[in-house]
Amino acid sequence: MNSKFVDTPMDPNVRLLHNQGEPLSYPKKYRRLIKKLNYLIITRPDISFAVSVVSQFLNSPYEDHWN
């Protein structure tokens, strides 16, 4: 009940879809970044929403997901 609101680095109203934009030319870079961000949310809970959204696209990341 005494929790505080925290700003998130991602707009919660943005809709990311599969097959949106151009496919990434190097998807391993995207996957490596998401893995690192998953460890970072332990100490930075303010990015947990954004990380959970972008981690849904690990199988086929696109340019819009990267941005």
Protein backbone atom coordinates (compact mmCIF):
# COMPACT_ATOMS: atom_id res chain seq x y z
CA MET A 1 0.00 0.00 0.00
CA ASN A 2 2.96 2.31 0.53
CA SER A 3 4.47 1.51 -2.84
CA LYS A 4 5.64 4.26 -5.14
CA PHE A 5 5.04 4.62 -8.85
CA VAL A 6 8.08 4.13 -11.03
CA ASP A 7 8.59 5.44 -14.53
CA THR A 8 9.28 2.78 -17.13
CA PRO A 9 11.56 3.39 -20.10
CA MET A 10 8.87 2.06 -22.46
CA ASP A 11 5.49 3.47 -23.33
CA PRO A 12 2.95 0.92 -22.01
CA ASN A 13 0.59 1.68 -24.90
CA VAL A 14 3.02 0.63 -27.64
CA ARG A 15 1.85 -2.49 -29.45
CA LEU A 16 4.67 -4.68 -30.74
CA LEU A 17 3.59 -7.44 -33.10
CA HIS A 18 5.27 -10.45 -34.66
CA ASN A 19 6.49 -9.84 -38.23
CA GLN A 20 6.49 -6.08 -37.68
CA GLY A 21 9.09 -4.23 -39.76
CA GLU A 22 12.26 -5.71 -41.23
CA PRO A 23 13.86 -8.86 -39.74
CA LEU A 24 17.07 -8.24 -37.84
CA SER A 25 20.16 -9.16 -39.81
CA TYR A 26 21.92 -10.39 -36.65
CA PRO A 27 19.36 -11.84 -34.20
CA LYS A 28 22.04 -13.24 -31.86
CA LYS A 29 22.85 -9.69 -30.81
CA TYR A 30 19.20 -9.17 -29.80
CA ARG A 31 19.07 -12.43 -27.86
CA ARG A 32 22.30 -11.65 -26.04
CA LEU A 33 20.98 -8.23 -25.03
CA ILE A 34 17.73 -9.69 -23.69
CA LYS A 35 19.63 -12.28 -21.64
CA LYS A 36 21.73 -9.53 -20.08
CA LEU A 37 18.67 -7.41 -19.38
CA ASN A 38 16.98 -10.36 -17.64
CA TYR A 39 19.81 -10.42 -15.11
CA LEU A 40 19.69 -6.68 -14.73
CA ILE A 41 16.01 -6.61 -13.66
CA ILE A 42 17.06 -8.13 -10.33
CA THR A 43 18.56 -4.80 -9.35
CA ARG A 44 16.50 -2.58 -11.68
CA PRO A 45 12.81 -3.47 -11.34
CA ASP A 46 11.84 -0.32 -13.27
CA ILE A 47 12.87 -2.00 -16.54
CA SER A 48 11.07 -5.29 -15.89
CA PHE A 49 8.01 -4.33 -17.98
CA ALA A 50 10.07 -3.38 -21.02
CA VAL A 51 12.23 -6.50 -20.75
CA SER A 52 9.18 -8.75 -20.48
CA VAL A 53 7.66 -7.20 -23.60
CA VAL A 54 10.76 -7.47 -25.79
CA SER A 55 11.62 -10.96 -24.56
CA GLN A 56 8.46 -12.26 -26.25
CA PHE A 57 10.20 -11.88 -29.61
CA LEU A 58 13.35 -13.93 -29.04
CA ASN A 59 12.52 -16.44 -31.78
CA SER A 60 12.13 -13.90 -34.57
CA PRO A 61 13.23 -10.38 -33.65
CA TYR A 62 12.53 -7.49 -36.03
CA GLU A 63 13.86 -3.95 -36.30
CA ASP A 64 10.86 -2.49 -34.44
CA HIS A 65 11.49 -4.84 -31.51
CA TRP A 66 15.12 -3.72 -31.38
CA ASN A 67 14.14 -0.05 -31.45
